[in-house]
Protein backbone atom coordinates (compact mmCIF):
# COMPACT_ATOMS: atom_id res chain seq x y z
CA MET A 1 -19.21 25.42 8.27
CA PHE A 2 -19.90 22.13 8.65
CA ILE A 3 -20.05 20.95 12.43
CA ILE A 4 -18.92 17.58 13.42
CA SER A 5 -20.22 15.69 16.42
CA ALA A 6 -18.06 15.19 19.55
CA LYS A 7 -18.69 11.89 20.00
CA SER A 8 -16.87 9.96 17.79
CA LYS A 9 -13.62 9.96 15.62
CA TYR A 10 -13.53 9.24 11.71
CA LEU A 11 -10.97 7.61 9.56
CA VAL A 12 -12.03 7.95 6.01
CA VAL A 13 -10.52 5.74 4.07
CA ILE A 14 -10.23 6.63 -0.15
CA GLY A 15 -9.07 3.52 -1.92
CA GLY A 16 -9.48 2.66 -5.47
CA PRO A 17 -7.19 1.27 -8.03
CA THR A 18 -4.15 3.52 -9.40
CA ALA A 19 -4.54 6.30 -11.12
CA VAL A 20 -8.33 6.75 -10.76
CA GLY A 21 -7.89 10.10 -9.07
CA LYS A 22 -7.12 9.76 -5.10
CA THR A 23 -4.80 11.96 -4.26
CA ASP A 24 -6.40 15.17 -5.77
CA LEU A 25 -10.01 14.17 -4.09
CA GLY A 26 -8.02 13.32 -0.54
CA ILE A 27 -6.34 16.79 -0.95
CA GLN A 28 -9.67 18.35 -1.74
CA LEU A 29 -11.49 16.82 1.15
CA ALA A 30 -8.66 17.14 3.47
CA ARG A 31 -8.72 20.75 2.96
CA HIS A 32 -12.30 21.34 3.41
CA TYR A 33 -12.40 19.37 6.93
CA GLN A 34 -9.27 21.20 7.52
CA SER A 35 -7.88 18.14 8.38
CA SER A 36 -4.65 15.67 7.24
CA ILE A 37 -3.67 12.53 5.34
CA LEU A 38 -2.19 8.94 5.77
CA SER A 39 -0.92 7.52 2.70
CA ALA A 40 -1.71 4.00 2.46
CA ASP A 41 0.87 3.55 -0.67
CA SER A 42 3.15 0.99 0.29
CA ARG A 43 5.92 2.20 -2.46
CA GLN A 44 5.52 6.50 -1.43
CA PHE A 45 7.03 5.45 2.01
CA TYR A 46 9.96 4.99 0.69
CA GLU A 47 12.22 8.52 0.13
CA GLU A 48 14.10 7.07 -2.58
CA LEU A 49 11.21 6.16 -5.16
CA ASN A 50 9.72 9.06 -6.85
CA ILE A 51 8.82 9.13 -10.36
CA GLY A 52 7.95 5.34 -10.72
CA THR A 53 5.33 5.63 -7.57
CA ALA A 54 3.26 8.70 -8.76
CA LYS A 55 3.37 10.50 -5.61
CA PRO A 56 1.89 13.97 -4.94
CA SER A 57 3.96 16.75 -6.12
CA PRO A 58 5.37 19.18 -3.48
CA ASP A 59 2.83 21.66 -4.53
CA GLN A 60 0.26 19.39 -3.33
CA LEU A 61 1.89 18.08 -0.32
CA SER A 62 2.24 21.50 0.69
CA GLU A 63 -1.73 22.07 0.26
CA VAL A 64 -2.16 19.33 3.02
CA LYS A 65 -0.11 17.76 5.81
CA HIS A 66 0.75 14.05 4.47
CA TYR A 67 2.05 11.05 6.53
CA PHE A 68 3.95 7.86 5.57
CA ILE A 69 5.68 9.42 2.37
CA ASN A 70 9.28 9.44 2.17
CA THR A 71 9.88 8.03 5.98
CA LYS A 72 11.65 5.03 4.51
CA LYS A 73 14.75 3.70 3.12
CA ILE A 74 14.44 0.87 0.20
CA THR A 75 16.46 -1.04 2.53
CA GLU A 76 14.30 -1.33 5.61
CA LEU A 77 11.54 -3.82 5.97
CA TYR A 78 8.17 -1.89 5.85
CA GLY A 79 5.22 -4.43 5.84
CA ALA A 80 1.74 -4.27 6.85
CA GLY A 81 2.31 -4.85 10.31
CA HIS A 82 4.56 -2.12 10.60
CA PHE A 83 2.19 0.01 9.16
CA GLU A 84 -0.30 -0.97 11.97
CA LYS A 85 1.43 -0.26 14.70
CA ASP A 86 2.39 3.25 13.43
CA ALA A 87 -0.56 4.31 11.96
CA ILE A 88 -2.52 3.54 15.28
CA ARG A 89 0.03 5.61 17.37
CA LEU A 90 0.03 8.58 14.97
CA LEU A 91 -4.01 7.95 14.72
CA LYS A 92 -4.06 8.54 18.53
CA GLU A 93 -1.66 11.31 18.47
CA LEU A 94 -3.79 13.17 15.56
CA PHE A 95 -7.34 12.64 16.77
CA GLU A 96 -6.53 14.49 19.98
CA ASN A 97 -7.35 17.87 17.66
CA ASN A 98 -9.35 16.12 14.91
CA GLN A 99 -12.80 14.17 14.32
CA ILE A 100 -12.03 13.43 10.95
CA LEU A 101 -8.89 12.14 9.60
CA PHE A 102 -8.46 11.02 6.04
CA MET A 103 -6.22 7.87 4.83
CA VAL A 104 -5.51 7.45 0.83
CA GLY A 105 -4.32 4.83 -0.98
CA GLY A 106 -4.48 2.02 -3.02
CA SER A 107 -2.47 -0.80 -0.99
CA GLY A 108 -5.57 -3.06 0.02
CA LEU A 109 -3.32 -4.80 2.68
CA TYR A 110 -2.40 -1.93 4.43
CA ILE A 111 -5.64 0.20 4.45
CA ASP A 112 -6.81 -3.36 6.15
CA ALA A 113 -4.38 -3.60 8.68
CA VAL A 114 -5.42 0.14 10.05
CA ILE A 115 -9.41 -0.69 9.88
CA ASN A 116 -9.05 -4.05 11.27
CA GLY A 117 -5.17 -5.10 12.19
CA VAL A 118 -3.30 -7.89 10.68
CA ASP A 119 -5.45 -10.76 11.45
CA ASP A 120 -5.38 -12.55 8.20
CA PHE A 121 -3.24 -13.83 6.04
CA GLU A 122 -3.15 -12.22 2.55
CA GLU A 123 -1.83 -13.59 -0.54
CA ILE A 124 2.24 -13.14 -0.59
CA PRO A 125 3.11 -11.33 -3.47
CA GLN A 126 4.90 -13.33 -5.98
CA GLU A 127 8.23 -11.40 -6.16
CA ILE A 128 8.65 -12.46 -2.64
CA ARG A 129 7.93 -15.84 -3.09
CA GLU A 130 10.07 -16.54 -6.04
CA GLY A 131 12.94 -14.52 -4.03
CA LEU A 132 12.66 -16.77 -0.69
CA ASN A 133 12.65 -19.84 -3.49
CA LYS A 134 16.31 -18.89 -4.74
CA GLU A 135 17.41 -17.99 -1.43
CA TYR A 136 16.63 -21.43 -0.02
CA ALA A 137 18.28 -23.03 -3.19
CA SER A 138 21.27 -20.93 -3.06
CA LYS A 139 21.91 -21.21 1.14
CA GLY A 140 20.09 -24.76 2.10
CA LEU A 141 17.95 -25.41 5.08
CA LYS A 142 20.03 -24.36 7.61
CA TRP A 143 19.62 -20.78 6.71
CA LEU A 144 16.34 -21.24 6.23
CA GLN A 145 15.79 -22.80 9.73
CA SER A 146 17.86 -19.72 10.84
CA GLU A 147 15.96 -17.18 9.46
CA ILE A 148 12.71 -18.87 11.27
CA GLU A 149 14.79 -19.00 14.44
CA LYS A 150 15.82 -15.42 14.59
CA ASN A 151 12.50 -13.99 13.08
CA ASP A 152 9.29 -15.99 14.81
CA ASN A 153 11.55 -17.98 17.57
CA ALA A 154 7.89 -19.43 18.60
CA HIS A 155 6.84 -20.91 15.60
CA TYR A 156 10.56 -22.45 15.43
CA LEU A 157 10.01 -24.34 18.42
CA THR A 158 6.93 -25.79 16.64
CA VAL A 159 6.94 -26.13 13.20
CA ASP A 160 8.18 -29.41 11.78
CA LYS A 161 11.64 -28.04 10.71
CA LYS A 162 12.47 -30.04 7.64
CA ASN A 163 9.40 -29.18 6.06
CA VAL A 164 10.65 -26.58 3.84
CA GLN A 165 7.34 -25.61 2.45
CA ARG A 166 6.08 -24.51 5.60
CA LEU A 167 9.52 -22.83 6.89
CA ILE A 168 9.28 -20.81 3.27
CA ARG A 169 5.31 -20.24 4.25
CA ALA A 170 6.32 -18.79 7.62
CA LEU A 171 9.18 -16.69 6.49
CA GLU A 172 7.32 -15.18 3.61
CA VAL A 173 4.50 -13.88 5.53
CA TYR A 174 7.00 -12.53 7.62
CA ARG A 175 8.59 -10.57 5.25
CA HIS A 176 5.43 -9.16 3.75
CA THR A 177 3.69 -8.16 6.62
CA GLY A 178 6.48 -7.60 9.47
CA LEU A 179 4.77 -9.72 11.61
CA PRO A 180 5.79 -13.15 12.74
CA TYR A 181 3.72 -16.03 11.24
CA SER A 182 2.79 -17.19 14.97
CA SER A 183 1.15 -13.78 15.99
CA PHE A 184 -1.43 -14.76 13.23
CA LEU A 185 -2.22 -17.77 14.61
CA ASN A 186 -6.00 -17.74 16.64
CA LYS A 187 -5.39 -13.80 16.52
CA ARG A 188 -8.59 -11.63 17.32
CA LYS A 189 -9.63 -8.24 15.60
CA ASN A 190 -8.45 -5.80 16.86
CA GLU A 191 -10.49 -2.80 18.72
CA ARG A 192 -10.90 0.90 17.20
CA ASN A 193 -11.50 4.01 18.76
CA PHE A 194 -12.67 5.35 15.45
CA ILE A 195 -15.03 4.65 13.43
CA PRO A 196 -14.12 3.95 9.37
CA ILE A 197 -16.17 5.18 6.51
CA LYS A 198 -14.89 3.53 3.58
CA ILE A 199 -15.19 5.10 -0.26
CA LEU A 200 -14.12 3.35 -3.02
CA ILE A 201 -13.19 5.63 -5.92
CA ASN A 202 -13.80 4.26 -9.49
CA CYS A 203 -14.15 5.10 -13.12
CA GLU A 204 -15.32 3.52 -16.26
CA ARG A 205 -12.57 0.91 -17.18
CA GLU A 206 -11.47 2.85 -20.85
CA LYS A 207 -11.22 5.96 -18.37
CA LEU A 208 -9.04 4.31 -16.15
CA TYR A 209 -7.13 2.48 -18.60
CA SER A 210 -6.30 5.95 -20.78
CA ASN A 211 -5.17 7.57 -17.08
CA ILE A 212 -2.91 4.58 -16.42
CA ASN A 213 -1.01 4.74 -20.11
CA LYS A 214 -0.99 8.50 -19.85
CA ARG A 215 0.85 8.17 -16.48
CA VAL A 216 3.38 5.61 -17.72
CA ASP A 217 4.32 8.11 -20.47
CA ASP A 218 4.53 11.08 -17.91
CA MET A 219 6.72 8.66 -15.93
CA ILE A 220 8.83 7.79 -18.90
CA GLN A 221 8.69 11.08 -19.78
CA ASN A 222 10.24 12.63 -16.29
CA GLY A 223 12.84 10.06 -16.16
CA LEU A 224 11.79 6.87 -14.69
CA LEU A 225 14.80 5.32 -16.70
CA ASP A 226 17.30 7.37 -15.08
CA GLU A 227 15.55 6.93 -11.64
CA ALA A 228 16.24 3.29 -11.74
CA LYS A 229 19.46 3.43 -13.69
CA ARG A 230 20.40 5.21 -9.95
CA LEU A 231 18.94 2.10 -7.75
CA MET A 232 20.56 -0.30 -9.69
CA ASP A 233 22.40 -1.34 -6.56
CA TYR A 234 19.25 -1.89 -4.56
CA LYS A 235 16.97 -3.84 -7.21
CA HIS A 236 17.08 -6.76 -5.37
CA CYS A 237 14.99 -4.66 -2.27
CA ASN A 238 11.31 -5.47 -2.60
CA ALA A 239 9.86 -2.15 -3.16
CA LEU A 240 12.20 -2.05 -6.89
CA LYS A 241 10.55 -5.70 -8.02
CA THR A 242 7.44 -4.08 -8.33
CA VAL A 243 5.89 -2.59 -11.50
CA GLY A 244 7.28 0.28 -13.29
CA TYR A 245 11.01 -1.02 -11.99
CA LYS A 246 10.75 -4.55 -12.50
CA GLU A 247 10.10 -3.94 -16.46
CA ILE A 248 13.05 -1.30 -16.65
CA TYR A 249 15.64 -3.40 -15.09
CA GLU A 250 14.82 -6.15 -17.52
CA HIS A 251 15.02 -3.90 -20.16
CA LEU A 252 18.77 -2.84 -18.87
CA GLU A 253 19.66 -6.61 -18.63
CA GLY A 254 18.95 -7.00 -22.34
CA LYS A 255 15.77 -8.92 -22.16
CA TYR A 256 13.82 -6.12 -24.18
CA ASP A 257 13.58 -2.74 -25.91
CA LEU A 258 12.58 0.29 -23.97
CA SER A 259 8.95 0.44 -26.03
CA THR A 260 8.36 -3.03 -25.11
CA ALA A 261 9.47 -2.12 -21.16
CA VAL A 262 6.94 0.59 -21.83
CA GLU A 263 4.32 -1.48 -23.04
CA LYS A 264 4.68 -4.07 -19.74
CA ILE A 265 4.58 -1.56 -17.52
CA LYS A 266 1.19 -0.08 -18.65
CA GLN A 267 0.02 -3.67 -19.17
CA HIS A 268 1.07 -4.89 -15.75
CA THR A 269 -0.06 -1.64 -14.47
CA ARG A 270 -3.52 -2.05 -15.86
CA ASN A 271 -3.46 -5.75 -14.56
CA TYR A 272 -2.86 -4.40 -11.39
CA ALA A 273 -5.52 -2.09 -10.72
CA LYS A 274 -7.90 -4.56 -11.64
CA ARG A 275 -6.95 -6.60 -8.88
CA GLN A 276 -7.07 -3.49 -6.19
CA ILE A 277 -11.06 -2.88 -7.43
CA THR A 278 -11.49 -6.69 -6.99
CA TRP A 279 -9.80 -6.47 -3.81
CA PHE A 280 -11.82 -3.17 -2.57
CA LYS A 281 -15.44 -4.98 -3.98
CA ASN A 282 -14.71 -8.07 -2.28
CA ARG A 283 -12.81 -7.88 0.93
CA ASP A 284 -14.90 -4.75 2.49
CA ILE A 285 -18.15 -2.71 2.19
CA PHE A 286 -17.06 -0.10 0.73
CA GLU A 287 -19.21 3.00 -0.80
CA GLU A 288 -18.36 3.84 -4.57
CA PHE A 289 -17.99 7.07 -6.11
CA GLY A 290 -16.41 8.28 -9.12
CA PRO A 291 -13.16 10.55 -8.72
CA ASP A 292 -15.28 14.12 -9.48
CA ASP A 293 -17.61 12.97 -6.80
CA LEU A 294 -16.43 15.63 -4.68
CA GLU A 295 -20.05 17.19 -3.69
CA LYS A 296 -21.67 13.85 -3.12
CA ILE A 297 -18.65 12.84 -1.05
CA LYS A 298 -18.49 15.51 1.49
CA ALA A 299 -22.57 15.08 1.81
CA PHE A 300 -22.46 11.04 2.32
CA ILE A 301 -19.69 12.07 4.94
CA ASN A 302 -21.82 14.55 6.75
CA ILE A 303 -24.61 11.92 7.14
CA ILE A 304 -22.86 9.86 8.34
CA VAL A 305 -20.97 11.75 11.41
CA GLU A 306 -24.57 13.57 11.51
CA HIS A 307 -26.41 10.75 12.71
CA ASP A 308 -23.86 9.35 15.42
């Protein structure tokens, strides 16, 4: 059995695009190291979303202990800032009995929050920005000002209260990250009591796109349409304004037929996967492996730990 160093704690981050094979690989690695997995997929937090989020199956969840799956309601605001606090608290607890833990997922902002802290402005999802603009158009400036005062009083005291663009910017950061805009200003990176081992799982584009297309077909076959219908009353929630659900709701609203919705889901998922790959390659230094490189990844982890 591999003996790990007693000097340091290690968080092995398995990141990469959707449908590349992170879940199976993460489970195999966690079993090998007799460890646990923290999910870093921002949609798998929500217990109501199952088919459209490609959560690990019950059998997979039974193989290895998973955290941050089915822990939130879709009506809850849960951004990267919330995740950072909860994950760091959990890691501190788990590292008391583990020297290697795993974090698996494709939500780059959430992964970065755990590794480095939420200390940089990220690109705000278009649906959040569009939603705020619609709310402002219907509710007006006083509503916008009151939202800033309620959620970020420190910023409210200094911001130009008639500058709509700045007010919306502050509120969209809060809604996306769960932290007040003012907390980002001049914030330093947080120190961590673990060493991250950052691994990017990737494969040839044709294979990835084939995986995505098959996954979408399987979701439709497994009842994505019915799942979306059951959640119609909550379609205004951010978790349902995402790829897979958004297109189904547009179909249900009569914008296009189901076959067109399915093709749009496939296309939008492929686009999302490309953005994920770009993020992981540009944001930080990740060692790249394929989804079948289990033994190579084990060797990579062992080398790092043995040389500590």
